[in-house]
Amino acid sequence: MSTLWAYFWPCIAAGILAGGIGGLYGFRRKRRVPLIIAALVSIAAAMVWHGPLGGAQRFAATVERETREALNYYELPTVTARLHRAPLTRRLVLAGGQRLDDWQRGELVRLFSQVPGVSRATWSPSDPGLPLILEAAIAAILGWLGGLVIAYLLELRRRYNAQWTW
């Protein structure tokens, strides 16, 4: 499971679509308001995907299921692994495993930091990291910028072709 395809692709696609439409309208009319509205629409689409459409919960459930399967494979039933909540982040918090020594704890952190979708694994819930909804908004803005580039190139092509009146 790639984080890009499991969670971020709808945010990027909404940003490209909003940026493209807003850019076509804004560049043609030479106004900034459609560009700002398109940016706000792309961020709103990312937030709707995160919350009401359940993208974040599906992502969290998938990551936690994969980590539980890995813990079962390594025969560590006393260790639990959950993504940091309130707000939801991609940091994995490990708990339990009182009979593990420092080397085993360090190796579990190293192994579970490599799970797709996890930014870091740790044994302490402090320093939660960047919230997932903020990462979604950043992905939407990057998509919006991509849509603006596409719209700008289309507008340049239209202006270049407008000079020819055969």
C-alpha atoms as a PDB file:
ATOM      1  CA  MET A   1       0.000   0.000   0.000  1.00  0.00           C
ATOM      2  CA  SER A   2       1.457   3.311  -1.044  1.00  0.00           C
ATOM      3  CA  THR A   3       0.427   6.416   0.863  1.00  0.00           C
ATOM      4  CA  LEU A   4       0.127   8.275  -2.410  1.00  0.00           C
ATOM      5  CA  TRP A   5      -2.437   5.879  -3.879  1.00  0.00           C
ATOM      6  CA  ALA A   6      -4.162   4.977  -0.616  1.00  0.00           C
ATOM      7  CA  TYR A   7      -4.813   8.486   0.628  1.00  0.00           C
ATOM      8  CA  PHE A   8      -3.342  11.415  -1.307  1.00  0.00           C
ATOM      9  CA  TRP A   9      -4.471  10.826  -4.911  1.00  0.00           C
ATOM     10  CA  PRO A  10      -8.003  12.277  -4.495  1.00  0.00           C
ATOM     11  CA  CYS A  11      -6.535  15.408  -2.877  1.00  0.00           C
ATOM     12  CA  ILE A  12      -4.048  15.891  -5.696  1.00  0.00           C
ATOM     13  CA  ALA A  13      -6.677  15.185  -8.369  1.00  0.00           C
ATOM     14  CA  ALA A  14      -9.100  17.690  -6.826  1.00  0.00           C
ATOM     15  CA  GLY A  15      -6.319  20.255  -6.713  1.00  0.00           C
ATOM     16  CA  ILE A  16      -5.405  19.706 -10.370  1.00  0.00           C
ATOM     17  CA  LEU A  17      -9.027  19.967 -11.426  1.00  0.00           C
ATOM     18  CA  ALA A  18      -9.725  23.108  -9.370  1.00  0.00           C
ATOM     19  CA  GLY A  19      -6.428  24.712 -10.388  1.00  0.00           C
ATOM     20  CA  GLY A  20      -7.006  23.951 -14.045  1.00  0.00           C
ATOM     21  CA  ILE A  21     -10.520  25.358 -14.149  1.00  0.00           C
ATOM     22  CA  GLY A  22      -9.696  28.362 -11.966  1.00  0.00           C
ATOM     23  CA  GLY A  23      -6.521  29.002 -13.935  1.00  0.00           C
ATOM     24  CA  LEU A  24      -8.258  28.894 -17.299  1.00  0.00           C
ATOM     25  CA  TYR A  25     -10.829  31.389 -16.120  1.00  0.00           C
ATOM     26  CA  GLY A  26      -8.393  33.575 -14.166  1.00  0.00           C
ATOM     27  CA  PHE A  27      -5.683  33.763 -16.814  1.00  0.00           C
ATOM     28  CA  ARG A  28      -8.158  34.560 -19.553  1.00  0.00           C
ATOM     29  CA  ARG A  29      -9.815  37.366 -17.565  1.00  0.00           C
ATOM     30  CA  LYS A  30      -6.529  38.444 -15.920  1.00  0.00           C
ATOM     31  CA  ARG A  31      -7.992  38.278 -12.410  1.00  0.00           C
ATOM     32  CA  ARG A  32      -6.738  36.731  -9.193  1.00  0.00           C
ATOM     33  CA  VAL A  33     -10.083  35.997  -7.550  1.00  0.00           C
ATOM     34  CA  PRO A  34     -10.745  32.780  -9.543  1.00  0.00           C
ATOM     35  CA  LEU A  35      -7.280  31.522  -8.614  1.00  0.00           C
ATOM     36  CA  ILE A  36      -7.902  32.120  -4.899  1.00  0.00           C
ATOM     37  CA  ILE A  37     -11.342  30.511  -5.110  1.00  0.00           C
ATOM     38  CA  ALA A  38      -9.811  27.492  -6.868  1.00  0.00           C
ATOM     39  CA  ALA A  39      -7.206  27.154  -4.093  1.00  0.00           C
ATOM     40  CA  LEU A  40      -9.916  27.269  -1.429  1.00  0.00           C
ATOM     41  CA  VAL A  41     -12.018  24.718  -3.334  1.00  0.00           C
ATOM     42  CA  SER A  42      -9.064  22.330  -3.566  1.00  0.00           C
ATOM     43  CA  ILE A  43      -8.360  22.628   0.177  1.00  0.00           C
ATOM     44  CA  ALA A  44     -12.064  22.123   0.960  1.00  0.00           C
ATOM     45  CA  ALA A  45     -12.129  19.022  -1.245  1.00  0.00           C
ATOM     46  CA  ALA A  46      -9.126  17.622   0.639  1.00  0.00           C
ATOM     47  CA  MET A  47     -10.855  18.218   3.976  1.00  0.00           C
ATOM     48  CA  VAL A  48     -14.052  16.573   2.772  1.00  0.00           C
ATOM     49  CA  TRP A  49     -12.018  13.570   1.595  1.00  0.00           C
ATOM     50  CA  HIS A  50     -10.258  13.396   4.957  1.00  0.00           C
ATOM     51  CA  GLY A  51     -13.362  13.591   7.118  1.00  0.00           C
ATOM     52  CA  PRO A  52     -16.860  12.926   5.792  1.00  0.00           C
ATOM     53  CA  LEU A  53     -15.785  10.663   2.921  1.00  0.00           C
ATOM     54  CA  GLY A  54     -13.688   8.597   5.335  1.00  0.00           C
ATOM     55  CA  GLY A  55     -10.335   8.602   3.565  1.00  0.00           C
ATOM     56  CA  ALA A  56      -8.424   9.064   6.803  1.00  0.00           C
ATOM     57  CA  GLN A  57     -10.239   6.275   8.645  1.00  0.00           C
ATOM     58  CA  ARG A  58      -9.686   3.821   5.790  1.00  0.00           C
ATOM     59  CA  PHE A  59      -6.019   4.773   5.683  1.00  0.00           C
ATOM     60  CA  ALA A  60      -5.598   4.370   9.448  1.00  0.00           C
ATOM     61  CA  ALA A  61      -7.424   1.034   9.470  1.00  0.00           C
ATOM     62  CA  THR A  62      -5.226  -0.302   6.667  1.00  0.00           C
ATOM     63  CA  VAL A  63      -1.968   0.766   8.327  1.00  0.00           C
ATOM     64  CA  GLU A  64      -3.011  -0.599  11.717  1.00  0.00           C
ATOM     65  CA  ARG A  65      -4.117  -3.895  10.175  1.00  0.00           C
ATOM     66  CA  GLU A  66      -0.764  -4.290   8.406  1.00  0.00           C
ATOM     67  CA  THR A  67       1.154  -3.562  11.599  1.00  0.00           C
ATOM     68  CA  ARG A  68      -0.990  -6.037  13.549  1.00  0.00           C
ATOM     69  CA  GLU A  69      -0.240  -8.700  10.921  1.00  0.00           C
ATOM     70  CA  ALA A  70       3.478  -7.934  11.225  1.00  0.00           C
ATOM     71  CA  LEU A  71       3.330  -8.151  15.014  1.00  0.00           C
ATOM     72  CA  ASN A  72       1.560 -11.499  14.729  1.00  0.00           C
ATOM     73  CA  TYR A  73       4.237 -12.687  12.298  1.00  0.00           C
ATOM     74  CA  TYR A  74       6.981 -11.725  14.767  1.00  0.00           C
ATOM     75  CA  GLU A  75       4.977 -13.422  17.555  1.00  0.00           C
ATOM     76  CA  LEU A  76       4.588 -10.301  19.690  1.00  0.00           C
ATOM     77  CA  PRO A  77       0.975 -10.453  20.910  1.00  0.00           C
ATOM     78  CA  THR A  78       1.628  -8.127  23.866  1.00  0.00           C
ATOM     79  CA  VAL A  79       2.794  -5.252  21.661  1.00  0.00           C
ATOM     80  CA  THR A  80       0.176  -2.952  20.126  1.00  0.00           C
ATOM     81  CA  ALA A  81       0.695  -0.444  17.347  1.00  0.00           C
ATOM     82  CA  ARG A  82      -1.686   2.417  16.568  1.00  0.00           C
ATOM     83  CA  LEU A  83      -1.406   5.624  14.602  1.00  0.00           C
ATOM     84  CA  HIS A  84      -1.292   8.721  16.763  1.00  0.00           C
ATOM     85  CA  ARG A  85      -4.796  10.191  17.125  1.00  0.00           C
ATOM     86  CA  ALA A  86      -6.182  13.625  18.008  1.00  0.00           C
ATOM     87  CA  PRO A  87      -5.194  14.747  15.408  1.00  0.00           C
ATOM     88  CA  LEU A  88      -4.548  11.748  13.217  1.00  0.00           C
ATOM     89  CA  THR A  89      -0.930  11.602  12.042  1.00  0.00           C
ATOM     90  CA  ARG A  90       1.233   9.070  10.234  1.00  0.00           C
ATOM     91  CA  ARG A  91       3.311   8.466  13.373  1.00  0.00           C
ATOM     92  CA  LEU A  92       2.963   4.930  14.737  1.00  0.00           C
ATOM     93  CA  VAL A  93       2.884   4.618  18.525  1.00  0.00           C
ATOM     94  CA  LEU A  94       3.990   1.256  19.905  1.00  0.00           C
ATOM     95  CA  ALA A  95       2.863   0.130  23.358  1.00  0.00           C
ATOM     96  CA  GLY A  96       3.209  -2.915  25.576  1.00  0.00           C
ATOM     97  CA  GLY A  97       6.033  -5.424  25.382  1.00  0.00           C
ATOM     98  CA  GLN A  98       7.328  -4.942  28.919  1.00  0.00           C
ATOM     99  CA  ARG A  99       9.577  -8.009  28.559  1.00  0.00           C
ATOM    100  CA  LEU A 100      11.458  -6.584  25.555  1.00  0.00           C
ATOM    101  CA  ASP A 101      14.997  -5.279  25.993  1.00  0.00           C
ATOM    102  CA  ASP A 102      16.337  -2.043  24.520  1.00  0.00           C
ATOM    103  CA  TRP A 103      17.742  -3.706  21.396  1.00  0.00           C
ATOM    104  CA  GLN A 104      14.395  -5.358  20.589  1.00  0.00           C
ATOM    105  CA  ARG A 105      12.539  -2.089  21.131  1.00  0.00           C
ATOM    106  CA  GLY A 106      14.965  -0.283  18.841  1.00  0.00           C
ATOM    107  CA  GLU A 107      14.590  -2.933  16.141  1.00  0.00           C
ATOM    108  CA  LEU A 108      10.790  -2.756  16.344  1.00  0.00           C
ATOM    109  CA  VAL A 109      10.967   1.013  15.883  1.00  0.00           C
ATOM    110  CA  ARG A 110      13.257   0.531  12.876  1.00  0.00           C
ATOM    111  CA  LEU A 111      11.056  -2.172  11.341  1.00  0.00           C
ATOM    112  CA  PHE A 112       7.767  -0.369  11.811  1.00  0.00           C
ATOM    113  CA  SER A 113       9.154   2.931  10.539  1.00  0.00           C
ATOM    114  CA  GLN A 114       9.466   1.138   7.183  1.00  0.00           C
ATOM    115  CA  VAL A 115       5.797   0.164   6.990  1.00  0.00           C
ATOM    116  CA  PRO A 116       4.194   1.954   4.010  1.00  0.00           C
ATOM    117  CA  GLY A 117       2.159   4.901   5.231  1.00  0.00           C
ATOM    118  CA  VAL A 118       4.099   5.361   8.483  1.00  0.00           C
ATOM    119  CA  SER A 119       6.330   8.406   8.822  1.00  0.00           C
ATOM    120  CA  ARG A 120       7.974   7.308  12.089  1.00  0.00           C
ATOM    121  CA  ALA A 121       7.457   4.718  14.771  1.00  0.00           C
ATOM    122  CA  THR A 122       8.066   5.465  18.425  1.00  0.00           C
ATOM    123  CA  TRP A 123       7.326   4.118  21.875  1.00  0.00           C
ATOM    124  CA  SER A 124       6.191   7.472  23.305  1.00  0.00           C
ATOM    125  CA  PRO A 125       3.109   9.402  22.146  1.00  0.00           C
ATOM    126  CA  SER A 126       4.811  12.792  22.589  1.00  0.00           C
ATOM    127  CA  ASP A 127       5.636  14.933  19.527  1.00  0.00           C
ATOM    128  CA  PRO A 128       2.811  13.689  17.302  1.00  0.00           C
ATOM    129  CA  GLY A 129       4.172  15.110  14.050  1.00  0.00           C
ATOM    130  CA  LEU A 130       2.338  16.718  11.140  1.00  0.00           C
ATOM    131  CA  PRO A 131      -1.445  16.100  11.143  1.00  0.00           C
ATOM    132  CA  LEU A 132      -2.717  14.039   8.232  1.00  0.00           C
ATOM    133  CA  ILE A 133      -5.329  16.649   7.323  1.00  0.00           C
ATOM    134  CA  LEU A 134      -2.554  19.234   6.934  1.00  0.00           C
ATOM    135  CA  GLU A 135      -0.636  16.834   4.686  1.00  0.00           C
ATOM    136  CA  ALA A 136      -3.807  16.431   2.610  1.00  0.00           C
ATOM    137  CA  ALA A 137      -4.159  20.210   2.296  1.00  0.00           C
ATOM    138  CA  ILE A 138      -0.519  20.471   1.182  1.00  0.00           C
ATOM    139  CA  ALA A 139      -1.123  17.745  -1.415  1.00  0.00           C
ATOM    140  CA  ALA A 140      -4.194  19.626  -2.654  1.00  0.00           C
ATOM    141  CA  ILE A 141      -2.204  22.857  -2.973  1.00  0.00           C
ATOM    142  CA  LEU A 142       0.515  21.023  -4.913  1.00  0.00           C
ATOM    143  CA  GLY A 143      -2.178  19.643  -7.211  1.00  0.00           C
ATOM    144  CA  TRP A 144      -3.630  23.152  -7.530  1.00  0.00           C
ATOM    145  CA  LEU A 145      -0.216  24.457  -8.583  1.00  0.00           C
ATOM    146  CA  GLY A 146       0.028  21.678 -11.160  1.00  0.00           C
ATOM    147  CA  GLY A 147      -3.410  22.624 -12.485  1.00  0.00           C
ATOM    148  CA  LEU A 148      -2.316  26.262 -12.710  1.00  0.00           C
ATOM    149  CA  VAL A 149       0.745  25.287 -14.731  1.00  0.00           C
ATOM    150  CA  ILE A 150      -1.427  23.284 -17.141  1.00  0.00           C
ATOM    151  CA  ALA A 151      -3.907  26.159 -17.443  1.00  0.00           C
ATOM    152  CA  TYR A 152      -1.090  28.646 -18.016  1.00  0.00           C
ATOM    153  CA  LEU A 153       0.397  26.524 -20.791  1.00  0.00           C
ATOM    154  CA  LEU A 154      -3.009  26.208 -22.438  1.00  0.00           C
ATOM    155  CA  GLU A 155      -3.509  29.967 -22.187  1.00  0.00           C
ATOM    156  CA  LEU A 156      -0.090  30.618 -23.735  1.00  0.00           C
ATOM    157  CA  ARG A 157      -1.000  28.314 -26.589  1.00  0.00           C
ATOM    158  CA  ARG A 158      -4.328  30.091 -27.086  1.00  0.00           C
ATOM    159  CA  ARG A 159      -2.659  33.519 -27.108  1.00  0.00           C
ATOM    160  CA  TYR A 160       0.026  32.356 -29.527  1.00  0.00           C
ATOM    161  CA  ASN A 161      -2.538  30.891 -31.918  1.00  0.00           C
ATOM    162  CA  ALA A 162      -4.724  34.025 -31.682  1.00  0.00           C
ATOM    163  CA  GLN A 163      -2.140  36.079 -33.558  1.00  0.00           C
ATOM    164  CA  TRP A 164      -2.640  34.068 -36.731  1.00  0.00           C
ATOM    165  CA  THR A 165      -5.614  35.293 -38.748  1.00  0.00           C
ATOM    166  CA  TRP A 166      -5.384  33.479 -42.015  1.00  0.00           C
END
